[in-house]
Structures are given as structure tokens and as C-alpha cells.
Amino acid sequence: NPQEKNIEIIDKYDDQGQSLGTKVIIKI
């Protein structure tokens, strides 16, 4: 599946909308 998305980037936030960091998911 060459068109499939292999990298997903998730921005993490708390209840007040403040950033808690970043999570990157890589499918190998």
C-alpha cells in the first residue's frame, strides 16, 4: 500500500488547551 500514510503526528493538549508535547507514530 504505497499510498498508505506511514507517519502520524499527534499534538497533545491538556484541558486548558496548553501543549503537553508531541507524539509521532511510525508504521514500519
PDB file of all heavy atoms in Angstrom:
ATOM      1  N   ASN A   1       0.852  -1.201   0.000  1.00  0.00           N
ATOM      2  CA  ASN A   1       0.000   0.000   0.000  1.00  0.00           C
ATOM      3  C   ASN A   1       0.883   1.244   0.000  1.00  0.00           C
ATOM      4  O   ASN A   1       1.045   1.906   1.036  1.00  0.00           O
ATOM      5  CB  ASN A   1      -0.925   0.006   1.231  1.00  0.00           C
ATOM      6  CG  ASN A   1      -1.839  -1.198   1.270  1.00  0.00           C
ATOM      7  OD1 ASN A   1      -2.697  -1.356   0.413  1.00  0.00           O
ATOM      8  ND2 ASN A   1      -1.649  -2.050   2.271  1.00  0.00           N
ATOM      9  N   PRO A   2       1.471   1.557  -1.166  1.00  0.00           N
ATOM     10  CA  PRO A   2       2.421   2.685  -1.214  1.00  0.00           C
ATOM     11  C   PRO A   2       1.780   4.033  -0.891  1.00  0.00           C
ATOM     12  O   PRO A   2       2.480   4.967  -0.520  1.00  0.00           O
ATOM     13  CB  PRO A   2       2.930   2.633  -2.662  1.00  0.00           C
ATOM     14  CG  PRO A   2       1.891   1.887  -3.420  1.00  0.00           C
ATOM     15  CD  PRO A   2       1.297   0.918  -2.466  1.00  0.00           C
ATOM     16  N   GLN A   3       0.437   4.129  -1.047  1.00  0.00           N
ATOM     17  CA  GLN A   3      -0.228   5.399  -0.771  1.00  0.00           C
ATOM     18  C   GLN A   3      -0.643   5.532   0.704  1.00  0.00           C
ATOM     19  O   GLN A   3      -1.124   6.590   1.119  1.00  0.00           O
ATOM     20  CB  GLN A   3      -1.464   5.536  -1.673  1.00  0.00           C
ATOM     21  CG  GLN A   3      -1.164   5.438  -3.163  1.00  0.00           C
ATOM     22  CD  GLN A   3      -0.166   6.481  -3.617  1.00  0.00           C
ATOM     23  OE1 GLN A   3      -0.195   7.623  -3.160  1.00  0.00           O
ATOM     24  NE2 GLN A   3       0.733   6.080  -4.510  1.00  0.00           N
ATOM     25  N   GLU A   4      -0.490   4.467   1.462  1.00  0.00           N
ATOM     26  CA  GLU A   4      -0.904   4.496   2.864  1.00  0.00           C
ATOM     27  C   GLU A   4      -0.007   5.432   3.675  1.00  0.00           C
ATOM     28  O   GLU A   4       1.201   5.513   3.453  1.00  0.00           O
ATOM     29  CB  GLU A   4      -0.841   3.079   3.448  1.00  0.00           C
ATOM     30  CG  GLU A   4      -1.357   2.999   4.870  1.00  0.00           C
ATOM     31  CD  GLU A   4      -1.288   1.587   5.423  1.00  0.00           C
ATOM     32  OE1 GLU A   4      -0.861   0.684   4.687  1.00  0.00           O
ATOM     33  OE2 GLU A   4      -1.651   1.390   6.598  1.00  0.00           O
ATOM     34  N   LYS A   5      -0.605   6.106   4.615  1.00  0.00           N
ATOM     35  CA  LYS A   5       0.134   7.038   5.458  1.00  0.00           C
ATOM     36  C   LYS A   5       0.919   6.255   6.504  1.00  0.00           C
ATOM     37  O   LYS A   5       0.354   5.507   7.308  1.00  0.00           O
ATOM     38  CB  LYS A   5      -0.834   8.005   6.138  1.00  0.00           C
ATOM     39  CG  LYS A   5      -0.150   9.164   6.829  1.00  0.00           C
ATOM     40  CD  LYS A   5      -1.188  10.145   7.356  1.00  0.00           C
ATOM     41  CE  LYS A   5      -0.518  11.335   8.031  1.00  0.00           C
ATOM     42  NZ  LYS A   5      -1.511  12.300   8.562  1.00  0.00           N
ATOM     43  N   ASN A   6       2.237   6.431   6.500  1.00  0.00           N
ATOM     44  CA  ASN A   6       3.102   5.660   7.402  1.00  0.00           C
ATOM     45  C   ASN A   6       3.526   6.449   8.640  1.00  0.00           C
ATOM     46  O   ASN A   6       4.076   5.883   9.572  1.00  0.00           O
ATOM     47  CB  ASN A   6       4.361   5.200   6.660  1.00  0.00           C
ATOM     48  CG  ASN A   6       4.038   4.273   5.504  1.00  0.00           C
ATOM     49  OD1 ASN A   6       3.433   3.238   5.690  1.00  0.00           O
ATOM     50  ND2 ASN A   6       4.433   4.660   4.295  1.00  0.00           N
ATOM     51  N   ILE A   7       3.318   7.761   8.606  1.00  0.00           N
ATOM     52  CA  ILE A   7       3.735   8.617   9.726  1.00  0.00           C
ATOM     53  C   ILE A   7       2.540   9.433  10.197  1.00  0.00           C
ATOM     54  O   ILE A   7       1.866  10.088   9.407  1.00  0.00           O
ATOM     55  CB  ILE A   7       4.883   9.563   9.312  1.00  0.00           C
ATOM     56  CG1 ILE A   7       6.092   8.754   8.826  1.00  0.00           C
ATOM     57  CG2 ILE A   7       5.285  10.473  10.481  1.00  0.00           C
ATOM     58  CD1 ILE A   7       7.191   9.615   8.245  1.00  0.00           C
ATOM     59  N   GLU A   8       2.271   9.377  11.490  1.00  0.00           N
ATOM     60  CA  GLU A   8       1.189  10.164  12.085  1.00  0.00           C
ATOM     61  C   GLU A   8       1.758  11.007  13.220  1.00  0.00           C
ATOM     62  O   GLU A   8       2.449  10.493  14.098  1.00  0.00           O
ATOM     63  CB  GLU A   8       0.093   9.234  12.606  1.00  0.00           C
ATOM     64  CG  GLU A   8      -1.083   9.981  13.201  1.00  0.00           C
ATOM     65  CD  GLU A   8      -2.143   9.047  13.758  1.00  0.00           C
ATOM     66  OE1 GLU A   8      -1.915   7.809  13.705  1.00  0.00           O
ATOM     67  OE2 GLU A   8      -3.175   9.540  14.263  1.00  0.00           O
ATOM     68  N   ILE A   9       1.485  12.297  13.203  1.00  0.00           N
ATOM     69  CA  ILE A   9       1.969  13.220  14.228  1.00  0.00           C
ATOM     70  C   ILE A   9       0.773  13.730  15.031  1.00  0.00           C
ATOM     71  O   ILE A   9      -0.174  14.288  14.468  1.00  0.00           O
ATOM     72  CB  ILE A   9       2.741  14.405  13.606  1.00  0.00           C
ATOM     73  CG1 ILE A   9       3.925  13.863  12.784  1.00  0.00           C
ATOM     74  CG2 ILE A   9       3.226  15.365  14.694  1.00  0.00           C
ATOM     75  CD1 ILE A   9       4.703  14.946  12.074  1.00  0.00           C
ATOM     76  N   ILE A  10       0.813  13.532  16.344  1.00  0.00           N
ATOM     77  CA  ILE A  10      -0.295  13.908  17.233  1.00  0.00           C
ATOM     78  C   ILE A  10       0.187  15.005  18.185  1.00  0.00           C
ATOM     79  O   ILE A  10       1.188  14.831  18.904  1.00  0.00           O
ATOM     80  CB  ILE A  10      -0.796  12.691  18.035  1.00  0.00           C
ATOM     81  CG1 ILE A  10      -1.261  11.578  17.075  1.00  0.00           C
ATOM     82  CG2 ILE A  10      -1.920  13.093  18.990  1.00  0.00           C
ATOM     83  CD1 ILE A  10      -1.594  10.281  17.774  1.00  0.00           C
ATOM     84  N   ASP A  11      -0.521  16.119  18.191  1.00  0.00           N
ATOM     85  CA  ASP A  11      -0.234  17.204  19.141  1.00  0.00           C
ATOM     86  C   ASP A  11      -1.062  16.976  20.409  1.00  0.00           C
ATOM     87  O   ASP A  11      -2.296  16.854  20.343  1.00  0.00           O
ATOM     88  CB  ASP A  11      -0.586  18.559  18.528  1.00  0.00           C
ATOM     89  CG  ASP A  11       0.278  18.871  17.314  1.00  0.00           C
ATOM     90  OD1 ASP A  11       1.503  18.819  17.446  1.00  0.00           O
ATOM     91  OD2 ASP A  11      -0.287  19.164  16.233  1.00  0.00           O
ATOM     92  N   LYS A  12      -0.380  16.957  21.560  1.00  0.00           N
ATOM     93  CA  LYS A  12      -1.050  16.667  22.831  1.00  0.00           C
ATOM     94  C   LYS A  12      -1.374  17.982  23.570  1.00  0.00           C
ATOM     95  O   LYS A  12      -0.536  18.884  23.621  1.00  0.00           O
ATOM     96  CB  LYS A  12      -0.165  15.781  23.722  1.00  0.00           C
ATOM     97  CG  LYS A  12       0.210  14.449  23.067  1.00  0.00           C
ATOM     98  CD  LYS A  12       0.999  13.576  24.033  1.00  0.00           C
ATOM     99  CE  LYS A  12       2.337  14.216  24.404  1.00  0.00           C
ATOM    100  NZ  LYS A  12       3.109  13.369  25.347  1.00  0.00           N
ATOM    101  N   TYR A  13      -2.594  18.054  24.137  1.00  0.00           N
ATOM    102  CA  TYR A  13      -3.028  19.243  24.867  1.00  0.00           C
ATOM    103  C   TYR A  13      -3.739  18.816  26.155  1.00  0.00           C
ATOM    104  O   TYR A  13      -4.333  17.734  26.229  1.00  0.00           O
ATOM    105  CB  TYR A  13      -3.993  20.087  24.023  1.00  0.00           C
ATOM    106  CG  TYR A  13      -3.365  20.646  22.761  1.00  0.00           C
ATOM    107  CD1 TYR A  13      -3.539  20.003  21.539  1.00  0.00           C
ATOM    108  CD2 TYR A  13      -2.614  21.819  22.799  1.00  0.00           C
ATOM    109  CE1 TYR A  13      -2.979  20.509  20.379  1.00  0.00           C
ATOM    110  CE2 TYR A  13      -2.045  22.339  21.639  1.00  0.00           C
ATOM    111  CZ  TYR A  13      -2.232  21.683  20.436  1.00  0.00           C
ATOM    112  OH  TYR A  13      -1.660  22.180  19.285  1.00  0.00           O
ATOM    113  N   ASP A  14      -3.692  19.737  27.168  1.00  0.00           N
ATOM    114  CA  ASP A  14      -4.450  19.484  28.396  1.00  0.00           C
ATOM    115  C   ASP A  14      -5.839  20.093  28.264  1.00  0.00           C
ATOM    116  O   ASP A  14      -6.217  20.593  27.197  1.00  0.00           O
ATOM    117  CB  ASP A  14      -3.706  20.033  29.622  1.00  0.00           C
ATOM    118  CG  ASP A  14      -3.500  21.545  29.526  1.00  0.00           C
ATOM    119  OD1 ASP A  14      -4.173  22.194  28.671  1.00  0.00           O
ATOM    120  OD2 ASP A  14      -2.662  22.066  30.283  1.00  0.00           O
ATOM    121  N   ASP A  15      -6.594  20.080  29.377  1.00  0.00           N
ATOM    122  CA  ASP A  15      -7.980  20.564  29.327  1.00  0.00           C
ATOM    123  C   ASP A  15      -8.047  22.054  29.057  1.00  0.00           C
ATOM    124  O   ASP A  15      -9.049  22.565  28.531  1.00  0.00           O
ATOM    125  CB  ASP A  15      -8.690  20.248  30.653  1.00  0.00           C
ATOM    126  CG  ASP A  15      -8.835  18.746  30.861  1.00  0.00           C
ATOM    127  OD1 ASP A  15      -8.793  18.014  29.847  1.00  0.00           O
ATOM    128  OD2 ASP A  15      -8.980  18.310  32.027  1.00  0.00           O
ATOM    129  N   GLN A  16      -6.993  22.790  29.396  1.00  0.00           N
ATOM    130  CA  GLN A  16      -6.977  24.233  29.171  1.00  0.00           C
ATOM    131  C   GLN A  16      -6.410  24.590  27.793  1.00  0.00           C
ATOM    132  O   GLN A  16      -6.223  25.770  27.478  1.00  0.00           O
ATOM    133  CB  GLN A  16      -6.160  24.947  30.264  1.00  0.00           C
ATOM    134  CG  GLN A  16      -6.837  25.003  31.614  1.00  0.00           C
ATOM    135  CD  GLN A  16      -6.829  23.673  32.325  1.00  0.00           C
ATOM    136  OE1 GLN A  16      -5.846  22.924  32.253  1.00  0.00           O
ATOM    137  NE2 GLN A  16      -7.929  23.363  33.016  1.00  0.00           N
ATOM    138  N   GLY A  17      -6.092  23.587  27.000  1.00  0.00           N
ATOM    139  CA  GLY A  17      -5.568  23.848  25.673  1.00  0.00           C
ATOM    140  C   GLY A  17      -4.082  24.120  25.637  1.00  0.00           C
ATOM    141  O   GLY A  17      -3.537  24.546  24.610  1.00  0.00           O
ATOM    142  N   GLN A  18      -3.401  23.845  26.753  1.00  0.00           N
ATOM    143  CA  GLN A  18      -1.961  24.043  26.793  1.00  0.00           C
ATOM    144  C   GLN A  18      -1.259  22.803  26.237  1.00  0.00           C
ATOM    145  O   GLN A  18      -1.690  21.674  26.465  1.00  0.00           O
ATOM    146  CB  GLN A  18      -1.499  24.292  28.244  1.00  0.00           C
ATOM    147  CG  GLN A  18      -2.090  25.542  28.878  1.00  0.00           C
ATOM    148  CD  GLN A  18      -1.629  26.800  28.165  1.00  0.00           C
ATOM    149  OE1 GLN A  18      -0.449  26.933  27.806  1.00  0.00           O
ATOM    150  NE2 GLN A  18      -2.572  27.721  27.948  1.00  0.00           N
ATOM    151  N   SER A  19      -0.163  23.021  25.535  1.00  0.00           N
ATOM    152  CA  SER A  19       0.539  21.908  24.904  1.00  0.00           C
ATOM    153  C   SER A  19       1.194  21.006  25.933  1.00  0.00           C
ATOM    154  O   SER A  19       1.831  21.480  26.884  1.00  0.00           O
ATOM    155  CB  SER A  19       1.591  22.448  23.929  1.00  0.00           C
ATOM    156  OG  SER A  19       2.329  21.372  23.380  1.00  0.00           O
ATOM    157  N   LEU A  20       1.027  19.690  25.716  1.00  0.00           N
ATOM    158  CA  LEU A  20       1.692  18.690  26.565  1.00  0.00           C
ATOM    159  C   LEU A  20       2.801  17.963  25.805  1.00  0.00           C
ATOM    160  O   LEU A  20       3.359  17.000  26.326  1.00  0.00           O
ATOM    161  CB  LEU A  20       0.664  17.672  27.058  1.00  0.00           C
ATOM    162  CG  LEU A  20      -0.438  18.212  27.980  1.00  0.00           C
ATOM    163  CD1 LEU A  20      -1.412  17.105  28.348  1.00  0.00           C
ATOM    164  CD2 LEU A  20       0.169  18.831  29.245  1.00  0.00           C
ATOM    165  N   GLY A  21       3.085  18.423  24.615  1.00  0.00           N
ATOM    166  CA  GLY A  21       4.145  17.783  23.829  1.00  0.00           C
ATOM    167  C   GLY A  21       3.618  17.195  22.524  1.00  0.00           C
ATOM    168  O   GLY A  21       2.514  17.506  22.069  1.00  0.00           O
ATOM    169  N   THR A  22       4.393  16.311  21.971  1.00  0.00           N
ATOM    170  CA  THR A  22       4.085  15.734  20.655  1.00  0.00           C
ATOM    171  C   THR A  22       4.340  14.233  20.673  1.00  0.00           C
ATOM    172  O   THR A  22       5.300  13.761  21.291  1.00  0.00           O
ATOM    173  CB  THR A  22       4.947  16.390  19.561  1.00  0.00           C
ATOM    174  OG1 THR A  22       4.788  17.804  19.626  1.00  0.00           O
ATOM    175  CG2 THR A  22       4.543  15.896  18.176  1.00  0.00           C
ATOM    176  N   LYS A  23       3.445  13.511  19.989  1.00  0.00           N
ATOM    177  CA  LYS A  23       3.659  12.067  19.811  1.00  0.00           C
ATOM    178  C   LYS A  23       3.714  11.782  18.300  1.00  0.00           C
ATOM    179  O   LYS A  23       2.830  12.189  17.545  1.00  0.00           O
ATOM    180  CB  LYS A  23       2.529  11.257  20.435  1.00  0.00           C
ATOM    181  CG  LYS A  23       2.687   9.746  20.213  1.00  0.00           C
ATOM    182  CD  LYS A  23       1.497   8.959  20.708  1.00  0.00           C
ATOM    183  CE  LYS A  23       1.448   8.907  22.219  1.00  0.00           C
ATOM    184  NZ  LYS A  23       0.381   7.967  22.695  1.00  0.00           N
ATOM    185  N   VAL A  24       4.762  11.082  17.890  1.00  0.00           N
ATOM    186  CA  VAL A  24       4.920  10.674  16.494  1.00  0.00           C
ATOM    187  C   VAL A  24       4.791   9.154  16.422  1.00  0.00           C
ATOM    188  O   VAL A  24       5.484   8.438  17.160  1.00  0.00           O
ATOM    189  CB  VAL A  24       6.274  11.121  15.920  1.00  0.00           C
ATOM    190  CG1 VAL A  24       6.411  10.650  14.466  1.00  0.00           C
ATOM    191  CG2 VAL A  24       6.420  12.630  15.998  1.00  0.00           C
ATOM    192  N   ILE A  25       3.885   8.667  15.564  1.00  0.00           N
ATOM    193  CA  ILE A  25       3.695   7.224  15.390  1.00  0.00           C
ATOM    194  C   ILE A  25       4.199   6.837  13.994  1.00  0.00           C
ATOM    195  O   ILE A  25       3.705   7.357  12.984  1.00  0.00           O
ATOM    196  CB  ILE A  25       2.214   6.831  15.546  1.00  0.00           C
ATOM    197  CG1 ILE A  25       1.693   7.244  16.930  1.00  0.00           C
ATOM    198  CG2 ILE A  25       2.040   5.324  15.329  1.00  0.00           C
ATOM    199  CD1 ILE A  25       0.208   6.986  17.122  1.00  0.00           C
ATOM    200  N   ILE A  26       5.175   5.939  13.971  1.00  0.00           N
ATOM    201  CA  ILE A  26       5.773   5.497  12.704  1.00  0.00           C
ATOM    202  C   ILE A  26       5.418   4.032  12.489  1.00  0.00           C
ATOM    203  O   ILE A  26       5.685   3.188  13.352  1.00  0.00           O
ATOM    204  CB  ILE A  26       7.306   5.653  12.715  1.00  0.00           C
ATOM    205  CG1 ILE A  26       7.685   7.088  13.067  1.00  0.00           C
ATOM    206  CG2 ILE A  26       7.909   5.251  11.370  1.00  0.00           C
ATOM    207  CD1 ILE A  26       9.165   7.266  13.320  1.00  0.00           C
ATOM    208  N   LYS A  27       4.810   3.728  11.331  1.00  0.00           N
ATOM    209  CA  LYS A  27       4.482   2.352  10.978  1.00  0.00           C
ATOM    210  C   LYS A  27       5.573   1.815  10.056  1.00  0.00           C
ATOM    211  O   LYS A  27       5.734   2.294   8.931  1.00  0.00           O
ATOM    212  CB  LYS A  27       3.121   2.280  10.292  1.00  0.00           C
ATOM    213  CG  LYS A  27       1.955   2.672  11.187  1.00  0.00           C
ATOM    214  CD  LYS A  27       0.632   2.574  10.421  1.00  0.00           C
ATOM    215  CE  LYS A  27      -0.547   2.960  11.295  1.00  0.00           C
ATOM    216  NZ  LYS A  27      -1.832   2.888  10.551  1.00  0.00           N
ATOM    217  N   ILE A  28       6.296   0.817  10.546  1.00  0.00           N
ATOM    218  CA  ILE A  28       7.390   0.232   9.767  1.00  0.00           C
ATOM    219  C   ILE A  28       6.923  -1.110   9.217  1.00  0.00           C
ATOM    220  O   ILE A  28       6.797  -2.083   9.968  1.00  0.00           O
ATOM    221  CB  ILE A  28       8.654   0.040  10.632  1.00  0.00           C
ATOM    222  CG1 ILE A  28       9.028   1.357  11.317  1.00  0.00           C
ATOM    223  CG2 ILE A  28       9.808  -0.480   9.784  1.00  0.00           C
ATOM    224  CD1 ILE A  28      10.160   1.221  12.319  1.00  0.00           C
TER     225      ILE A  28
END
